[in-house]
């Protein structure tokens, strides 16, 4: 009986040196396509375009002092746009953020002045009030299941009315009294509203805070467990809860983070101008949300970055100050913002579709 000879199993050849082995199921996309997939690339291109436009249309923008003013205007928007963006990534909105800034400033000013306290006491109480407003918004959203749009719209109306009514009741006017002569004012101004010189140009401290907060928010989103929780609850809170993500804590803490931002900006306004107008802040919430949306944060939640809103806020500051330096009618500001918002959304949509299709 003859023996049947079996063929030896084939041995795969080793990969060539320096060549990365793939199994055919995944491919490494080129760098340009990977950059297009980033949520902030669209607003970066838009910010560059707006900057170049005003460099040509408004020659004073080329001066260092003008750019310092633009960055300052951007920082007052950007500091609030950052926590608003994180909240949007977490799947929620806060329509009370604009008037909450004024509530914080009014609280600190009236408490210190009417009770003749050191202004730092007013600052601390104002922080507690701002965090309490944020906690209330978050607790109502997670407890009732109502859309955050409705809950914070109610808070917006409550704060708007209370700001005006309480201020008139306490001071007899629509603005608070000047607190510049009170104990602790100079120290508080150094923290919240000081400035310094760089090459002969005056730079506001809020620009530094803005960039530091942006770097911190980026680190939190990309390098911490809490950042993963934010993306998870914004994408699908039920799935996030099923895998152990503390949904209630994450959402409430995000609303409180917006409260912290409102307190910080409110303190800057108070110690910059020594007094506060109780009717201000209305409409600013739309600016903050728009800066986040322009920066690549999806309205549906679960996607976005902290760098994108930085460029979004810069675009707003660039347009707001650029119109002044170009000697145009400032009434066109809101029209420019509307065009800028629609343009940025369309660019972001095109970028996302291009990255996905490729």
Protein backbone atom coordinates (compact mmCIF):
# COMPACT_ATOMS: atom_id res chain seq x y z
CA UNK A 1 0.00 0.00 0.00
CA UNK A 2 1.46 3.33 -1.10
CA UNK A 3 2.09 6.17 1.33
CA UNK A 4 0.27 9.46 0.68
CA UNK A 5 2.61 12.43 0.96
CA UNK A 6 1.09 15.47 2.67
CA UNK A 7 2.14 18.99 1.74
CA UNK A 8 3.80 21.02 4.48
CA UNK A 9 1.75 23.98 5.73
CA UNK A 10 2.70 27.27 4.18
CA UNK A 11 4.63 29.60 6.45
CA UNK A 12 3.83 33.30 5.94
CA UNK A 13 6.77 35.44 5.04
CA UNK A 14 7.82 37.90 7.75
CA UNK A 15 6.95 41.55 7.11
CA UNK A 16 9.61 43.71 5.57
CA UNK A 17 11.71 45.70 8.03
CA UNK A 18 10.25 49.14 8.78
CA UNK A 19 6.88 48.25 7.26
CA UNK A 20 3.79 48.22 9.50
CA UNK A 21 1.74 45.04 9.13
CA UNK A 22 -2.02 45.39 8.60
CA UNK A 23 -4.74 42.79 8.36
CA UNK A 24 -6.57 44.52 5.51
CA UNK A 25 -9.47 45.65 7.69
CA UNK A 26 -7.98 48.95 8.82
CA UNK A 27 -6.07 51.55 6.87
CA UNK A 28 -4.18 54.58 8.06
CA UNK A 29 -5.77 57.73 6.64
CA UNK A 30 -3.54 60.52 5.35
CA UNK A 31 -2.78 63.38 7.72
CA UNK A 32 -4.98 65.96 5.88
CA UNK A 33 -8.04 63.70 6.20
CA UNK A 34 -7.33 63.08 9.88
CA UNK A 35 -7.12 66.84 10.42
CA UNK A 36 -10.43 67.32 8.62
CA UNK A 37 -12.03 64.91 11.07
CA UNK A 38 -11.12 67.19 13.98
CA UNK A 39 -14.16 69.22 15.19
CA UNK A 40 -12.20 72.47 15.47
CA UNK A 41 -10.61 72.53 12.00
CA UNK A 42 -13.61 74.23 10.37
CA UNK A 43 -13.71 77.11 12.85
CA UNK A 44 -9.94 77.49 12.62
CA UNK A 45 -10.22 78.03 8.87
CA UNK A 46 -13.11 80.44 9.47
CA UNK A 47 -11.12 82.39 12.09
CA UNK A 48 -8.19 82.74 9.70
CA UNK A 49 -10.55 83.98 6.96
CA UNK A 50 -12.19 86.56 9.26
CA UNK A 51 -8.80 87.74 10.51
CA UNK A 52 -7.44 88.22 6.98
CA UNK A 53 -10.65 90.00 5.95
CA UNK A 54 -10.36 92.61 8.68
CA UNK A 55 -6.62 92.98 8.16
CA UNK A 56 -7.51 94.23 4.70
CA UNK A 57 -10.76 96.06 5.53
CA UNK A 58 -9.60 97.70 8.77
CA UNK A 59 -5.88 98.69 8.75
CA UNK A 60 -5.89 99.70 12.48
CA UNK A 61 -6.32 95.99 13.29
CA UNK A 62 -2.67 95.51 12.37
CA UNK A 63 -1.55 97.47 15.43
CA UNK A 64 -0.63 95.66 18.62
CA UNK A 65 -3.01 97.67 20.80
CA UNK A 66 -5.92 96.83 18.49
CA UNK A 67 -5.14 93.13 18.62
CA UNK A 68 -4.94 93.33 22.42
CA UNK A 69 -8.45 94.84 22.47
CA UNK A 70 -9.73 92.13 20.13
CA UNK A 71 -8.25 89.38 22.30
CA UNK A 72 -9.71 91.01 25.41
CA UNK A 73 -13.18 91.12 23.86
CA UNK A 74 -12.74 87.51 22.77
CA UNK A 75 -11.64 86.44 26.26
CA UNK A 76 -14.78 87.79 27.96
CA UNK A 77 -16.81 85.65 25.56
CA UNK A 78 -14.43 82.72 25.51
CA UNK A 79 -14.23 82.18 29.27
CA UNK A 80 -17.97 81.55 29.36
CA UNK A 81 -18.04 79.72 26.02
CA UNK A 82 -15.76 77.00 27.43
CA UNK A 83 -18.08 75.64 30.17
CA UNK A 84 -21.07 76.17 27.86
CA UNK A 85 -19.27 74.03 25.26
CA UNK A 86 -18.54 71.28 27.79
CA UNK A 87 -22.20 71.31 28.78
CA UNK A 88 -23.22 71.02 25.13
CA UNK A 89 -20.85 68.09 24.62
CA UNK A 90 -22.64 66.57 27.60
CA UNK A 91 -25.92 66.94 25.72
CA UNK A 92 -27.47 69.96 27.50
CA UNK A 93 -27.99 73.74 27.10
CA UNK A 94 -28.02 76.64 29.56
CA UNK A 95 -30.02 79.66 28.43
CA UNK A 96 -29.53 81.39 31.79
CA UNK A 97 -25.75 81.78 31.46
CA UNK A 98 -25.90 85.40 30.26
CA UNK A 99 -28.03 86.80 33.06
CA UNK A 100 -26.28 84.53 35.57
CA UNK A 101 -23.12 86.60 34.99
CA UNK A 102 -24.99 89.74 36.04
CA UNK A 103 -26.62 87.95 39.00
CA UNK A 104 -23.18 87.04 40.30
CA UNK A 105 -21.86 90.59 39.97
CA UNK A 106 -24.99 92.11 41.56
CA UNK A 107 -24.79 89.71 44.49
CA UNK A 108 -21.17 90.54 45.28
CA UNK A 109 -21.66 94.28 44.86
CA UNK A 110 -24.86 94.76 46.86
CA UNK A 111 -23.87 92.39 49.67
CA UNK A 112 -20.54 94.13 50.22
CA UNK A 113 -21.87 97.68 49.88
CA UNK A 114 -25.14 97.40 51.78
CA UNK A 115 -23.62 95.47 54.70
CA UNK A 116 -20.31 97.41 54.62
CA UNK A 117 -18.26 94.23 54.29
CA UNK A 118 -14.91 93.49 52.74
CA UNK A 119 -15.60 92.92 49.04
CA UNK A 120 -14.09 89.43 49.27
CA UNK A 121 -17.08 88.40 51.36
CA UNK A 122 -19.31 89.46 48.48
CA UNK A 123 -17.09 87.54 46.04
CA UNK A 124 -17.37 84.33 48.09
CA UNK A 125 -21.14 84.61 48.53
CA UNK A 126 -21.52 85.34 44.82
CA UNK A 127 -19.60 82.13 44.04
CA UNK A 128 -21.94 80.12 46.27
CA UNK A 129 -24.99 81.69 44.62
CA UNK A 130 -23.66 80.95 41.12
CA UNK A 131 -22.89 77.34 41.98
CA UNK A 132 -26.35 77.03 43.54
CA UNK A 133 -28.00 78.28 40.34
CA UNK A 134 -26.01 75.75 38.34
CA UNK A 135 -26.91 72.97 40.78
CA UNK A 136 -30.60 73.89 40.57
CA UNK A 137 -30.55 73.77 36.78
CA UNK A 138 -28.78 70.41 36.70
CA UNK A 139 -30.90 68.88 39.45
CA UNK A 140 -34.13 69.95 37.74
CA UNK A 141 -33.00 68.49 34.42
CA UNK A 142 -31.98 65.08 35.78
CA UNK A 143 -34.80 64.88 38.33
CA UNK A 144 -37.71 65.80 36.06
CA UNK A 145 -36.39 64.66 32.68
CA UNK A 146 -37.48 67.97 31.16
CA UNK A 147 -35.37 69.39 28.33
CA UNK A 148 -32.63 71.67 29.61
CA UNK A 149 -33.87 74.25 27.10
CA UNK A 150 -37.11 74.63 29.06
CA UNK A 151 -35.59 74.42 32.53
CA UNK A 152 -32.92 77.05 31.88
CA UNK A 153 -35.36 79.26 30.01
CA UNK A 154 -37.37 79.38 33.22
CA UNK A 155 -34.22 80.16 35.21
CA UNK A 156 -33.33 82.86 32.69
CA UNK A 157 -36.68 84.61 33.25
CA UNK A 158 -36.45 84.26 37.03
CA UNK A 159 -32.94 85.73 37.18
CA UNK A 160 -33.74 88.49 34.69
CA UNK A 161 -36.69 89.67 36.76
CA UNK A 162 -34.93 89.22 40.10
CA UNK A 163 -31.85 91.13 38.94
CA UNK A 164 -33.89 94.21 38.15
CA UNK A 165 -36.44 93.99 40.97
CA UNK A 166 -33.98 93.26 43.80
CA UNK A 167 -31.52 95.91 42.62
CA UNK A 168 -34.22 98.60 42.54
CA UNK A 169 -35.52 97.45 45.92
CA UNK A 170 -32.11 97.51 47.60
CA UNK A 171 -30.41 100.48 45.92
CA UNK A 172 -33.38 102.47 44.64
CA UNK A 173 -31.78 102.44 41.20
CA UNK A 174 -31.24 100.07 38.27
CA UNK A 175 -27.49 99.93 38.97
CA UNK A 176 -25.42 99.10 42.02
CA UNK A 177 -23.38 101.64 43.97
CA UNK A 178 -19.69 102.25 43.30
CA UNK A 179 -17.61 99.91 45.49
CA UNK A 180 -14.15 101.14 44.44
CA UNK A 181 -13.45 102.69 47.86
CA UNK A 182 -14.31 99.58 49.88
CA UNK A 183 -11.89 97.28 51.69
CA UNK A 184 -10.43 94.54 49.50
CA UNK A 185 -11.38 96.20 46.21
CA UNK A 186 -7.81 96.79 45.02
CA UNK A 187 -6.77 93.21 45.76
CA UNK A 188 -9.83 91.80 44.03
CA UNK A 189 -9.25 94.01 41.00
CA UNK A 190 -5.70 92.65 40.69
CA UNK A 191 -7.08 89.12 40.56
CA UNK A 192 -10.05 89.62 38.25
CA UNK A 193 -9.43 92.79 36.22
CA UNK A 194 -5.75 93.71 36.19
CA UNK A 195 -3.55 94.30 33.16
CA UNK A 196 0.15 94.17 32.30
CA UNK A 197 2.49 95.45 29.62
CA UNK A 198 3.94 93.37 26.78
CA UNK A 199 6.17 95.30 24.41
CA UNK A 200 4.43 98.56 25.27
CA UNK A 201 0.97 97.07 24.70
CA UNK A 202 -1.52 96.79 27.57
CA UNK A 203 -2.82 93.22 27.92
CA UNK A 204 -5.79 92.30 30.13
CA UNK A 205 -5.39 89.43 32.58
CA UNK A 206 -8.58 87.79 31.27
CA UNK A 207 -6.69 86.79 28.12
CA UNK A 208 -4.32 84.71 30.24
CA UNK A 209 -7.20 83.17 32.20
CA UNK A 210 -8.98 82.34 28.94
CA UNK A 211 -6.03 80.44 27.50
CA UNK A 212 -5.29 78.65 30.78
CA UNK A 213 -8.93 77.57 31.15
CA UNK A 214 -8.92 76.36 27.52
CA UNK A 215 -5.80 74.26 28.12
CA UNK A 216 -7.28 72.84 31.32
CA UNK A 217 -10.60 72.00 29.62
CA UNK A 218 -8.74 70.29 26.76
CA UNK A 219 -6.76 68.19 29.21
CA UNK A 220 -9.92 67.23 31.10
CA UNK A 221 -11.73 66.19 27.91
CA UNK A 222 -8.90 64.18 26.40
CA UNK A 223 -6.95 62.82 29.35
CA UNK A 224 -9.32 62.21 32.26
CA UNK A 225 -12.09 59.81 33.18
CA UNK A 226 -14.41 62.78 33.71
CA UNK A 227 -13.84 63.82 30.11
CA UNK A 228 -14.90 60.36 28.96
CA UNK A 229 -18.03 60.69 31.09
CA UNK A 230 -18.89 63.99 29.37
CA UNK A 231 -18.70 62.46 25.91
CA UNK A 232 -20.58 59.35 27.07
CA UNK A 233 -23.57 61.13 28.64
CA UNK A 234 -23.80 63.44 25.64
CA UNK A 235 -23.78 60.57 23.18
CA UNK A 236 -26.27 58.28 24.93
CA UNK A 237 -26.95 58.72 28.63
CA UNK A 238 -28.78 55.39 29.01
CA UNK A 239 -25.90 53.44 27.50
CA UNK A 240 -23.51 55.46 29.63
CA UNK A 241 -25.47 54.65 32.77
CA UNK A 242 -25.51 50.95 31.81
CA UNK A 243 -21.70 50.82 31.79
CA UNK A 244 -21.37 52.60 35.13
CA UNK A 245 -21.00 56.26 34.18
CA UNK A 246 -22.40 58.54 36.95
CA UNK A 247 -24.83 60.39 34.68
CA UNK A 248 -26.50 62.45 37.41
CA UNK A 249 -23.20 63.65 38.86
CA UNK A 250 -21.75 64.47 35.44
CA UNK A 251 -24.71 66.54 34.25
CA UNK A 252 -25.17 68.46 37.51
CA UNK A 253 -21.44 69.18 37.74
CA UNK A 254 -21.45 70.51 34.16
CA UNK A 255 -24.24 72.94 35.01
CA UNK A 256 -22.30 74.00 38.11
CA UNK A 257 -19.25 74.52 35.92
CA UNK A 258 -21.29 77.00 33.87
CA UNK A 259 -22.19 78.68 37.18
CA UNK A 260 -18.49 78.96 38.00
CA UNK A 261 -17.83 80.58 34.63
CA UNK A 262 -20.67 83.04 35.20
CA UNK A 263 -19.21 83.95 38.59
CA UNK A 264 -15.73 84.51 37.16
CA UNK A 265 -16.90 86.74 34.31
CA UNK A 266 -19.26 88.57 36.67
CA UNK A 267 -16.39 89.35 39.02
CA UNK A 268 -14.35 90.66 36.11
CA UNK A 269 -17.16 92.99 35.06
CA UNK A 270 -17.71 94.22 38.60
CA UNK A 271 -14.08 95.04 39.31
CA UNK A 272 -13.53 96.51 35.86
CA UNK A 273 -16.37 99.04 36.06
CA UNK A 274 -16.92 99.31 39.87
CA UNK A 275 -20.71 99.05 39.35
CA UNK A 276 -23.19 96.79 37.54
CA UNK A 277 -26.28 97.53 35.45
CA UNK A 278 -29.02 95.11 36.48
CA UNK A 279 -30.57 94.81 33.00
CA UNK A 280 -27.43 93.57 31.27
CA UNK A 281 -26.65 90.01 30.18
CA UNK A 282 -29.78 89.37 28.12
CA UNK A 283 -28.79 87.85 24.79
CA UNK A 284 -25.25 86.95 25.86
CA UNK A 285 -26.25 83.30 26.30
CA UNK A 286 -26.81 83.09 22.55
CA UNK A 287 -23.31 84.46 21.97
CA UNK A 288 -21.79 81.80 24.23
CA UNK A 289 -23.79 78.99 22.61
CA UNK A 290 -22.99 80.30 19.12
CA UNK A 291 -19.26 80.36 19.90
CA UNK A 292 -19.50 76.73 21.00
CA UNK A 293 -21.50 75.69 17.92
CA UNK A 294 -19.13 77.55 15.60
CA UNK A 295 -16.33 75.77 17.45
CA UNK A 296 -17.64 72.38 16.36
CA UNK A 297 -19.84 71.33 19.30
CA UNK A 298 -22.85 69.43 18.00
CA UNK A 299 -26.32 70.53 19.10
CA UNK A 300 -27.15 66.87 19.71
CA UNK A 301 -24.25 66.43 22.15
CA UNK A 302 -21.51 63.82 22.34
CA UNK A 303 -19.01 65.62 20.10
CA UNK A 304 -16.86 68.73 20.25
CA UNK A 305 -13.69 70.14 21.77
CA UNK A 306 -12.47 72.93 24.02
CA UNK A 307 -10.13 74.40 21.39
CA UNK A 308 -12.93 75.00 18.86
CA UNK A 309 -14.82 77.47 21.10
CA UNK A 310 -11.57 79.40 21.57
CA UNK A 311 -11.48 80.09 17.83
CA UNK A 312 -15.23 80.72 17.88
CA UNK A 313 -14.86 83.36 20.58
CA UNK A 314 -11.95 84.90 18.68
CA UNK A 315 -14.15 85.22 15.60
CA UNK A 316 -16.81 87.02 17.65
CA UNK A 317 -14.26 89.40 19.17
CA UNK A 318 -12.66 89.96 15.78
CA UNK A 319 -15.98 90.90 14.18
CA UNK A 320 -17.16 93.03 17.10
CA UNK A 321 -13.99 95.11 17.26
CA UNK A 322 -13.19 94.89 13.55
CA UNK A 323 -16.43 96.68 12.67
CA UNK A 324 -15.41 99.52 14.98
CA UNK A 325 -11.89 99.77 13.55
CA UNK A 326 -13.31 99.73 10.02
CA UNK A 327 -15.61 102.67 10.93
CA UNK A 328 -18.70 100.74 9.91
CA UNK A 329 -22.14 101.07 11.45
CA UNK A 330 -22.09 98.86 14.60
CA UNK A 331 -25.74 98.03 13.97
CA UNK A 332 -24.43 95.48 11.45
CA UNK A 333 -22.74 93.49 14.21
CA UNK A 334 -25.59 91.04 14.76
CA UNK A 335 -26.00 90.59 11.00
CA UNK A 336 -22.32 89.68 10.72
CA UNK A 337 -22.70 87.22 13.59
CA UNK A 338 -25.63 85.55 11.85
CA UNK A 339 -23.72 85.19 8.59
CA UNK A 340 -20.67 83.95 10.49
CA UNK A 341 -22.74 81.37 12.40
CA UNK A 342 -24.40 79.99 9.27
CA UNK A 343 -21.10 79.96 7.39
CA UNK A 344 -19.29 78.14 10.18
CA UNK A 345 -22.04 75.54 10.50
CA UNK A 346 -21.91 74.89 6.74
CA UNK A 347 -18.12 74.61 6.83
CA UNK A 348 -18.29 72.19 9.76
CA UNK A 349 -20.89 70.11 7.92
CA UNK A 350 -18.74 70.00 4.78
CA UNK A 351 -15.64 69.06 6.79
CA UNK A 352 -17.44 66.23 8.59
CA UNK A 353 -18.96 64.85 5.39
CA UNK A 354 -15.63 65.03 3.58
CA UNK A 355 -13.78 63.26 6.38
CA UNK A 356 -16.47 60.57 6.62
CA UNK A 357 -16.69 59.99 2.88
CA UNK A 358 -12.93 59.60 2.49
